[in-house]
Amino acid sequence: FEAVRYAVENGLMNGTGDGKFSPKANTTRGMIVTMLARVEGISTSGMPWYGAGQRWAMEHEISDGTNMPGAITREQLAAILYRYAQAKGYDTTQGGMAVREFSDSASISDWAQEAMARAVNAQVLSGKGNGVLDPQGTATRAEVAQMLMNFGEHVG
């Protein structure tokens, strides 16, 4: 609840219509780059709805711009937030091996290893309560709200 309120009050996320937030719905790559572009003061109006965020994210090497309508995985989100932190000049040097404490840490994709380790060590990403990170699982709107709040509190 606190994370959803944080995301809404800080203009990071909007509802899904009819006064609903839909916390269990998937989040897309386009939604993430649009949220981050808005934080940077970029106008995100236009077509397709994610186009401005996509262009901004590609220009700043935060995303490769592919599969914007596709659901984002937890490791993809960690990678985007890691590259965003680097682009902003935030400290991304949190070391440690905390990611290895999760039973599914071996299932993290090679390209996402560093970003996932940094997200866990910086307290941006935590397990799902059952000792797993679920790196390949899709990030729900509630999980994204939590990660964005954690990012704002611990990184940005």
N, C-alpha and C. Protein backbone atom coordinates (compact mmCIF):
# COMPACT_ATOMS: atom_id res chain seq x y z
N PHE A 1 0.82 -1.20 0.00
CA PHE A 1 0.00 0.00 0.00
C PHE A 1 0.86 1.26 0.00
N GLU A 2 1.86 1.28 0.88
CA GLU A 2 2.72 2.47 0.96
C GLU A 2 3.43 2.73 -0.37
N ALA A 3 3.88 1.67 -1.02
CA ALA A 3 4.59 1.82 -2.29
C ALA A 3 3.65 2.32 -3.38
N VAL A 4 2.44 1.82 -3.41
CA VAL A 4 1.47 2.29 -4.40
C VAL A 4 1.18 3.77 -4.17
N ARG A 5 0.96 4.13 -2.92
CA ARG A 5 0.71 5.54 -2.61
C ARG A 5 1.90 6.40 -3.03
N TYR A 6 3.11 5.96 -2.73
CA TYR A 6 4.33 6.67 -3.12
C TYR A 6 4.37 6.87 -4.63
N ALA A 7 4.13 5.81 -5.38
CA ALA A 7 4.20 5.87 -6.84
C ALA A 7 3.16 6.82 -7.42
N VAL A 8 1.96 6.80 -6.87
CA VAL A 8 0.90 7.67 -7.36
C VAL A 8 1.15 9.11 -6.95
N GLU A 9 1.48 9.35 -5.67
CA GLU A 9 1.70 10.71 -5.18
C GLU A 9 2.89 11.39 -5.84
N ASN A 10 3.88 10.61 -6.29
CA ASN A 10 5.06 11.18 -6.93
C ASN A 10 4.95 11.19 -8.45
N GLY A 11 3.75 10.89 -8.96
CA GLY A 11 3.52 10.96 -10.40
C GLY A 11 4.23 9.89 -11.20
N LEU A 12 4.68 8.83 -10.54
CA LEU A 12 5.38 7.76 -11.24
C LEU A 12 4.41 6.84 -11.96
N MET A 13 3.27 6.59 -11.34
CA MET A 13 2.28 5.68 -11.91
C MET A 13 0.90 6.29 -11.76
N ASN A 14 0.04 5.96 -12.71
CA ASN A 14 -1.36 6.36 -12.66
C ASN A 14 -2.21 5.13 -12.42
N GLY A 15 -3.46 5.34 -12.19
CA GLY A 15 -4.38 4.22 -12.06
C GLY A 15 -4.69 3.61 -13.41
N THR A 16 -5.50 2.58 -13.40
CA THR A 16 -5.85 1.88 -14.64
C THR A 16 -7.29 2.16 -15.05
N GLY A 17 -7.89 3.18 -14.47
CA GLY A 17 -9.26 3.56 -14.81
C GLY A 17 -10.24 3.14 -13.73
N ASP A 18 -11.35 3.83 -13.67
CA ASP A 18 -12.41 3.54 -12.71
C ASP A 18 -11.91 3.53 -11.27
N GLY A 19 -10.93 4.37 -10.94
CA GLY A 19 -10.42 4.46 -9.58
C GLY A 19 -9.64 3.24 -9.12
N LYS A 20 -9.12 2.46 -10.06
CA LYS A 20 -8.38 1.25 -9.72
C LYS A 20 -6.90 1.41 -10.03
N PHE A 21 -6.08 0.64 -9.30
CA PHE A 21 -4.64 0.61 -9.54
C PHE A 21 -4.21 -0.69 -10.22
N SER A 22 -4.93 -1.75 -10.03
CA SER A 22 -4.64 -3.08 -10.59
C SER A 22 -3.25 -3.56 -10.19
N PRO A 23 -3.00 -3.76 -8.90
CA PRO A 23 -1.67 -4.10 -8.42
C PRO A 23 -1.12 -5.42 -8.94
N LYS A 24 -1.98 -6.34 -9.33
CA LYS A 24 -1.50 -7.65 -9.80
C LYS A 24 -1.31 -7.71 -11.31
N ALA A 25 -1.65 -6.63 -12.00
CA ALA A 25 -1.49 -6.60 -13.46
C ALA A 25 -0.01 -6.48 -13.82
N ASN A 26 0.33 -7.01 -14.97
CA ASN A 26 1.71 -6.90 -15.45
C ASN A 26 2.04 -5.47 -15.82
N THR A 27 3.31 -5.16 -15.78
CA THR A 27 3.83 -3.86 -16.21
C THR A 27 4.61 -4.09 -17.49
N THR A 28 4.50 -3.19 -18.44
CA THR A 28 5.22 -3.36 -19.70
C THR A 28 6.50 -2.53 -19.71
N ARG A 29 7.37 -2.89 -20.64
CA ARG A 29 8.60 -2.12 -20.83
C ARG A 29 8.27 -0.67 -21.20
N GLY A 30 7.23 -0.50 -22.01
CA GLY A 30 6.81 0.85 -22.39
C GLY A 30 6.36 1.68 -21.21
N MET A 31 5.66 1.04 -20.27
CA MET A 31 5.24 1.76 -19.07
C MET A 31 6.44 2.24 -18.27
N ILE A 32 7.44 1.40 -18.13
CA ILE A 32 8.62 1.75 -17.33
C ILE A 32 9.36 2.93 -17.94
N VAL A 33 9.64 2.88 -19.25
CA VAL A 33 10.39 3.99 -19.85
C VAL A 33 9.56 5.26 -19.87
N THR A 34 8.24 5.13 -19.96
CA THR A 34 7.37 6.31 -19.90
C THR A 34 7.42 6.93 -18.51
N MET A 35 7.37 6.10 -17.46
CA MET A 35 7.46 6.60 -16.09
C MET A 35 8.76 7.35 -15.86
N LEU A 36 9.87 6.75 -16.29
CA LEU A 36 11.18 7.38 -16.07
C LEU A 36 11.31 8.66 -16.88
N ALA A 37 10.78 8.67 -18.10
CA ALA A 37 10.83 9.89 -18.92
C ALA A 37 10.04 11.01 -18.24
N ARG A 38 8.90 10.68 -17.66
CA ARG A 38 8.10 11.69 -16.96
C ARG A 38 8.88 12.27 -15.78
N VAL A 39 9.59 11.40 -15.05
CA VAL A 39 10.42 11.87 -13.93
C VAL A 39 11.43 12.89 -14.43
N GLU A 40 11.92 12.69 -15.64
CA GLU A 40 12.91 13.59 -16.21
C GLU A 40 12.30 14.82 -16.87
N GLY A 41 10.99 14.97 -16.77
CA GLY A 41 10.32 16.14 -17.31
C GLY A 41 10.03 16.07 -18.80
N ILE A 42 10.12 14.89 -19.38
CA ILE A 42 9.85 14.71 -20.80
C ILE A 42 8.34 14.59 -21.01
N SER A 43 7.82 15.31 -21.99
CA SER A 43 6.41 15.17 -22.34
C SER A 43 6.24 13.81 -22.99
N THR A 44 5.31 13.03 -22.47
CA THR A 44 5.12 11.68 -22.99
C THR A 44 3.83 11.53 -23.79
N SER A 45 3.30 12.65 -24.26
CA SER A 45 2.09 12.55 -25.08
C SER A 45 2.50 12.17 -26.50
N GLY A 46 1.57 11.64 -27.23
CA GLY A 46 1.83 11.26 -28.62
C GLY A 46 1.53 9.79 -28.86
N MET A 47 1.76 9.40 -30.08
CA MET A 47 1.47 8.01 -30.47
C MET A 47 2.75 7.38 -31.02
N PRO A 48 2.98 6.13 -30.78
CA PRO A 48 2.25 5.34 -29.80
C PRO A 48 2.45 5.91 -28.41
N TRP A 49 1.63 5.50 -27.48
CA TRP A 49 1.64 6.09 -26.13
C TRP A 49 3.00 5.99 -25.47
N TYR A 50 3.81 5.02 -25.80
CA TYR A 50 5.13 4.83 -25.19
C TYR A 50 6.26 5.44 -26.02
N GLY A 51 5.93 6.02 -27.18
CA GLY A 51 6.95 6.49 -28.12
C GLY A 51 7.95 7.48 -27.55
N ALA A 52 7.48 8.49 -26.84
CA ALA A 52 8.38 9.50 -26.28
C ALA A 52 9.31 8.88 -25.24
N GLY A 53 8.77 8.03 -24.38
CA GLY A 53 9.59 7.35 -23.39
C GLY A 53 10.60 6.42 -24.04
N GLN A 54 10.17 5.74 -25.07
CA GLN A 54 11.04 4.83 -25.80
C GLN A 54 12.23 5.60 -26.40
N ARG A 55 11.94 6.69 -27.08
CA ARG A 55 13.02 7.49 -27.69
C ARG A 55 13.97 8.03 -26.63
N TRP A 56 13.42 8.56 -25.54
CA TRP A 56 14.25 9.09 -24.46
C TRP A 56 15.14 7.99 -23.88
N ALA A 57 14.57 6.82 -23.61
CA ALA A 57 15.34 5.72 -23.01
C ALA A 57 16.43 5.22 -23.95
N MET A 58 16.15 5.18 -25.25
CA MET A 58 17.16 4.75 -26.21
C MET A 58 18.28 5.78 -26.32
N GLU A 59 17.90 7.05 -26.34
CA GLU A 59 18.88 8.13 -26.45
C GLU A 59 19.86 8.12 -25.27
N HIS A 60 19.38 7.75 -24.09
CA HIS A 60 20.21 7.75 -22.89
C HIS A 60 20.74 6.36 -22.53
N GLU A 61 20.55 5.41 -23.46
CA GLU A 61 21.05 4.04 -23.31
C GLU A 61 20.52 3.36 -22.05
N ILE A 62 19.27 3.65 -21.75
CA ILE A 62 18.60 3.04 -20.61
C ILE A 62 17.85 1.79 -21.05
N SER A 63 17.41 1.80 -22.30
CA SER A 63 16.71 0.65 -22.89
C SER A 63 17.09 0.57 -24.36
N ASP A 64 17.03 -0.65 -24.89
CA ASP A 64 17.28 -0.81 -26.33
C ASP A 64 16.05 -0.50 -27.15
N GLY A 65 14.93 -0.25 -26.49
CA GLY A 65 13.72 0.17 -27.18
C GLY A 65 12.89 -0.96 -27.77
N THR A 66 13.27 -2.19 -27.53
CA THR A 66 12.53 -3.30 -28.11
C THR A 66 11.37 -3.74 -27.23
N ASN A 67 10.38 -4.32 -27.86
CA ASN A 67 9.25 -4.96 -27.19
C ASN A 67 8.58 -4.07 -26.14
N MET A 68 8.29 -2.85 -26.49
CA MET A 68 7.68 -1.92 -25.55
C MET A 68 6.32 -2.39 -25.02
N PRO A 69 5.48 -3.05 -25.82
CA PRO A 69 4.21 -3.52 -25.26
C PRO A 69 4.33 -4.80 -24.44
N GLY A 70 5.50 -5.42 -24.43
CA GLY A 70 5.68 -6.67 -23.72
C GLY A 70 5.83 -6.49 -22.23
N ALA A 71 5.37 -7.49 -21.48
CA ALA A 71 5.51 -7.47 -20.02
C ALA A 71 6.99 -7.48 -19.65
N ILE A 72 7.34 -6.68 -18.67
CA ILE A 72 8.73 -6.59 -18.23
C ILE A 72 8.99 -7.62 -17.14
N THR A 73 10.16 -8.25 -17.19
CA THR A 73 10.53 -9.17 -16.15
C THR A 73 11.23 -8.41 -15.03
N ARG A 74 11.36 -9.06 -13.91
CA ARG A 74 12.01 -8.44 -12.76
C ARG A 74 13.48 -8.14 -13.06
N GLU A 75 14.17 -9.00 -13.81
CA GLU A 75 15.56 -8.74 -14.14
C GLU A 75 15.68 -7.63 -15.19
N GLN A 76 14.73 -7.54 -16.12
CA GLN A 76 14.74 -6.44 -17.08
C GLN A 76 14.53 -5.11 -16.37
N LEU A 77 13.63 -5.09 -15.40
CA LEU A 77 13.39 -3.87 -14.64
C LEU A 77 14.63 -3.48 -13.85
N ALA A 78 15.27 -4.45 -13.22
CA ALA A 78 16.50 -4.16 -12.48
C ALA A 78 17.56 -3.58 -13.41
N ALA A 79 17.67 -4.12 -14.63
CA ALA A 79 18.66 -3.63 -15.59
C ALA A 79 18.35 -2.20 -16.03
N ILE A 80 17.08 -1.92 -16.29
CA ILE A 80 16.70 -0.56 -16.69
C ILE A 80 16.97 0.43 -15.57
N LEU A 81 16.61 0.07 -14.34
CA LEU A 81 16.87 0.97 -13.22
C LEU A 81 18.37 1.15 -12.98
N TYR A 82 19.14 0.11 -13.19
CA TYR A 82 20.60 0.19 -13.04
C TYR A 82 21.18 1.16 -14.07
N ARG A 83 20.76 1.03 -15.32
CA ARG A 83 21.27 1.93 -16.37
C ARG A 83 20.77 3.36 -16.15
N TYR A 84 19.54 3.50 -15.63
CA TYR A 84 19.03 4.83 -15.30
C TYR A 84 19.88 5.47 -14.20
N ALA A 85 20.20 4.70 -13.17
CA ALA A 85 21.04 5.21 -12.09
C ALA A 85 22.41 5.63 -12.61
N GLN A 86 22.98 4.84 -13.51
CA GLN A 86 24.26 5.20 -14.10
C GLN A 86 24.15 6.50 -14.90
N ALA A 87 23.09 6.62 -15.69
CA ALA A 87 22.89 7.83 -16.51
C ALA A 87 22.74 9.06 -15.63
N LYS A 88 22.14 8.90 -14.46
CA LYS A 88 21.93 10.02 -13.54
C LYS A 88 23.18 10.32 -12.71
N GLY A 89 24.17 9.44 -12.77
CA GLY A 89 25.37 9.64 -11.98
C GLY A 89 25.22 9.20 -10.53
N TYR A 90 24.22 8.38 -10.23
CA TYR A 90 24.03 7.87 -8.88
C TYR A 90 25.07 6.79 -8.59
N ASP A 91 25.32 6.57 -7.33
CA ASP A 91 26.26 5.54 -6.91
C ASP A 91 25.69 4.17 -7.24
N THR A 92 26.38 3.44 -8.10
CA THR A 92 25.95 2.08 -8.46
C THR A 92 27.01 1.07 -8.06
N THR A 93 27.77 1.40 -7.03
CA THR A 93 28.88 0.54 -6.66
C THR A 93 28.60 -0.33 -5.44
N GLN A 94 27.34 -0.44 -5.03
CA GLN A 94 27.03 -1.27 -3.87
C GLN A 94 27.51 -2.69 -4.15
N GLY A 95 28.43 -3.15 -3.34
CA GLY A 95 28.96 -4.50 -3.52
C GLY A 95 28.26 -5.48 -2.61
N GLY A 96 28.67 -6.71 -2.72
CA GLY A 96 28.13 -7.73 -1.84
C GLY A 96 27.63 -8.93 -2.62
N MET A 97 27.30 -9.94 -1.89
CA MET A 97 26.88 -11.19 -2.50
C MET A 97 25.46 -11.57 -2.10
N ALA A 98 24.67 -10.63 -1.65
CA ALA A 98 23.33 -10.93 -1.13
C ALA A 98 22.47 -11.67 -2.14
N VAL A 99 22.67 -11.41 -3.41
CA VAL A 99 21.85 -12.05 -4.44
C VAL A 99 21.99 -13.57 -4.39
N ARG A 100 23.13 -14.05 -3.98
CA ARG A 100 23.37 -15.50 -3.93
C ARG A 100 22.62 -16.19 -2.79
N GLU A 101 22.04 -15.41 -1.89
CA GLU A 101 21.25 -15.98 -0.79
C GLU A 101 19.90 -16.50 -1.27
N PHE A 102 19.50 -16.16 -2.48
CA PHE A 102 18.21 -16.59 -3.03
C PHE A 102 18.39 -17.90 -3.78
N SER A 103 17.46 -18.81 -3.58
CA SER A 103 17.59 -20.15 -4.13
C SER A 103 17.58 -20.18 -5.66
N ASP A 104 17.06 -19.16 -6.30
CA ASP A 104 17.01 -19.15 -7.76
C ASP A 104 17.99 -18.16 -8.39
N SER A 105 19.01 -17.77 -7.65
CA SER A 105 19.97 -16.79 -8.18
C SER A 105 20.68 -17.30 -9.43
N ALA A 106 20.83 -18.60 -9.56
CA ALA A 106 21.49 -19.16 -10.75
C ALA A 106 20.65 -18.97 -12.02
N SER A 107 19.37 -18.64 -11.87
CA SER A 107 18.51 -18.46 -13.04
C SER A 107 18.52 -17.02 -13.57
N ILE A 108 19.31 -16.16 -12.96
CA ILE A 108 19.45 -14.79 -13.46
C ILE A 108 20.23 -14.84 -14.77
N SER A 109 19.73 -14.20 -15.79
CA SER A 109 20.41 -14.16 -17.09
C SER A 109 21.78 -13.53 -16.95
N ASP A 110 22.72 -13.99 -17.76
CA ASP A 110 24.09 -13.46 -17.70
C ASP A 110 24.13 -11.94 -17.84
N TRP A 111 23.35 -11.39 -18.77
CA TRP A 111 23.37 -9.96 -19.02
C TRP A 111 22.79 -9.16 -17.84
N ALA A 112 22.04 -9.81 -16.95
CA ALA A 112 21.39 -9.12 -15.84
C ALA A 112 22.09 -9.34 -14.50
N GLN A 113 23.16 -10.12 -14.47
CA GLN A 113 23.82 -10.47 -13.22
C GLN A 113 24.20 -9.23 -12.39
N GLU A 114 24.91 -8.32 -13.00
CA GLU A 114 25.38 -7.14 -12.26
C GLU A 114 24.22 -6.27 -11.79
N ALA A 115 23.26 -6.04 -12.68
CA ALA A 115 22.11 -5.20 -12.31
C ALA A 115 21.30 -5.83 -11.18
N MET A 116 21.09 -7.14 -11.23
CA MET A 116 20.33 -7.81 -10.17
C MET A 116 21.10 -7.76 -8.85
N ALA A 117 22.40 -8.01 -8.90
CA ALA A 117 23.21 -7.96 -7.68
C ALA A 117 23.15 -6.57 -7.07
N ARG A 118 23.27 -5.54 -7.90
CA ARG A 118 23.23 -4.17 -7.39
C ARG A 118 21.85 -3.83 -6.84
N ALA A 119 20.80 -4.31 -7.52
CA ALA A 119 19.44 -4.02 -7.05
C ALA A 119 19.19 -4.66 -5.68
N VAL A 120 19.67 -5.88 -5.49
CA VAL A 120 19.49 -6.54 -4.20
C VAL A 120 20.33 -5.85 -3.13
N ASN A 121 21.59 -5.58 -3.43
CA ASN A 121 22.49 -4.97 -2.45
C ASN A 121 22.08 -3.54 -2.09
N ALA A 122 21.44 -2.85 -3.02
CA ALA A 122 20.99 -1.47 -2.76
C ALA A 122 19.58 -1.43 -2.18
N GLN A 123 19.00 -2.59 -1.90
CA GLN A 123 17.66 -2.71 -1.32
C GLN A 123 16.57 -2.20 -2.25
N VAL A 124 16.82 -2.25 -3.55
CA VAL A 124 15.80 -1.89 -4.53
C VAL A 124 14.90 -3.09 -4.79
N LEU A 125 15.49 -4.26 -4.82
CA LEU A 125 14.78 -5.50 -5.11
C LEU A 125 14.99 -6.48 -3.97
N SER A 126 13.91 -7.10 -3.57
CA SER A 126 14.01 -8.14 -2.55
C SER A 126 13.29 -9.38 -3.07
N GLY A 127 13.38 -10.43 -2.32
CA GLY A 127 12.72 -11.67 -2.72
C GLY A 127 11.22 -11.56 -2.63
N LYS A 128 10.59 -12.63 -3.06
CA LYS A 128 9.13 -12.66 -3.08
C LYS A 128 8.57 -13.30 -1.81
N GLY A 129 9.37 -13.38 -0.76
CA GLY A 129 8.87 -13.92 0.50
C GLY A 129 9.06 -15.41 0.65
N ASN A 130 9.43 -16.08 -0.40
CA ASN A 130 9.64 -17.52 -0.32
C ASN A 130 11.08 -17.91 -0.69
N GLY A 131 11.99 -16.97 -0.50
CA GLY A 131 13.40 -17.23 -0.75
C GLY A 131 13.81 -17.21 -2.20
N VAL A 132 12.95 -16.66 -3.07
CA VAL A 132 13.28 -16.57 -4.49
C VAL A 132 13.20 -15.12 -4.96
N LEU A 133 14.01 -14.82 -5.98
CA LEU A 133 13.97 -13.52 -6.63
C LEU A 133 13.02 -13.50 -7.81
N ASP A 134 12.81 -14.64 -8.43
CA ASP A 134 11.96 -14.75 -9.61
C ASP A 134 12.40 -13.78 -10.71
N PRO A 135 13.68 -13.86 -11.12
CA PRO A 135 14.19 -12.90 -12.10
C PRO A 135 13.48 -12.95 -13.45
N GLN A 136 13.01 -14.11 -13.85
CA GLN A 136 12.34 -14.26 -15.14
C GLN A 136 10.84 -13.98 -15.05
N GLY A 137 10.33 -13.82 -13.83
CA GLY A 137 8.92 -13.56 -13.65
C GLY A 137 8.57 -12.13 -14.02
N THR A 138 7.34 -11.93 -14.44
CA THR A 138 6.92 -10.58 -14.81
C THR A 138 6.76 -9.73 -13.56
N ALA A 139 7.02 -8.47 -13.71
CA ALA A 139 6.90 -7.52 -12.60
C ALA A 139 5.48 -6.95 -12.59
N THR A 140 4.77 -7.19 -11.51
CA THR A 140 3.42 -6.64 -11.39
C THR A 140 3.49 -5.15 -11.09
N ARG A 141 2.38 -4.49 -11.23
CA ARG A 141 2.34 -3.06 -10.93
C ARG A 141 2.69 -2.79 -9.47
N ALA A 142 2.26 -3.67 -8.57
CA ALA A 142 2.61 -3.49 -7.15
C ALA A 142 4.11 -3.66 -6.95
N GLU A 143 4.72 -4.65 -7.59
CA GLU A 143 6.17 -4.85 -7.46
C GLU A 143 6.95 -3.67 -8.03
N VAL A 144 6.48 -3.15 -9.16
CA VAL A 144 7.13 -1.98 -9.75
C VAL A 144 7.03 -0.79 -8.81
N ALA A 145 5.86 -0.57 -8.23
CA ALA A 145 5.69 0.54 -7.29
C ALA A 145 6.67 0.39 -6.13
N GLN A 146 6.81 -0.83 -5.60
CA GLN A 146 7.74 -1.07 -4.49
C GLN A 146 9.18 -0.81 -4.91
N MET A 147 9.56 -1.31 -6.10
CA MET A 147 10.94 -1.11 -6.57
C MET A 147 11.22 0.37 -6.82
N LEU A 148 10.26 1.09 -7.35
CA LEU A 148 10.46 2.52 -7.59
C LEU A 148 10.60 3.28 -6.28
N MET A 149 9.79 2.92 -5.29
CA MET A 149 9.92 3.56 -3.98
C MET A 149 11.27 3.23 -3.36
N ASN A 150 11.67 1.97 -3.43
CA ASN A 150 12.98 1.57 -2.88
C ASN A 150 14.11 2.29 -3.62
N PHE A 151 13.99 2.41 -4.91
CA PHE A 151 15.01 3.10 -5.71
C PHE A 151 15.12 4.56 -5.25
N GLY A 152 13.97 5.21 -5.09
CA GLY A 152 13.97 6.61 -4.64
C GLY A 152 14.56 6.77 -3.26
N GLU A 153 14.32 5.82 -2.37
CA GLU A 153 14.81 5.91 -1.00
C GLU A 153 16.28 5.51 -0.84
N HIS A 154 16.74 4.55 -1.65
CA HIS A 154 18.07 4.00 -1.43
C HIS A 154 19.10 4.35 -2.51
N VAL A 155 18.65 4.80 -3.68
CA VAL A 155 19.59 5.06 -4.77
C VAL A 155 19.54 6.51 -5.20
N GLY A 156 18.34 6.97 -5.60
CA GLY A 156 18.19 8.30 -6.19
C GLY A 156 18.00 9.36 -5.21
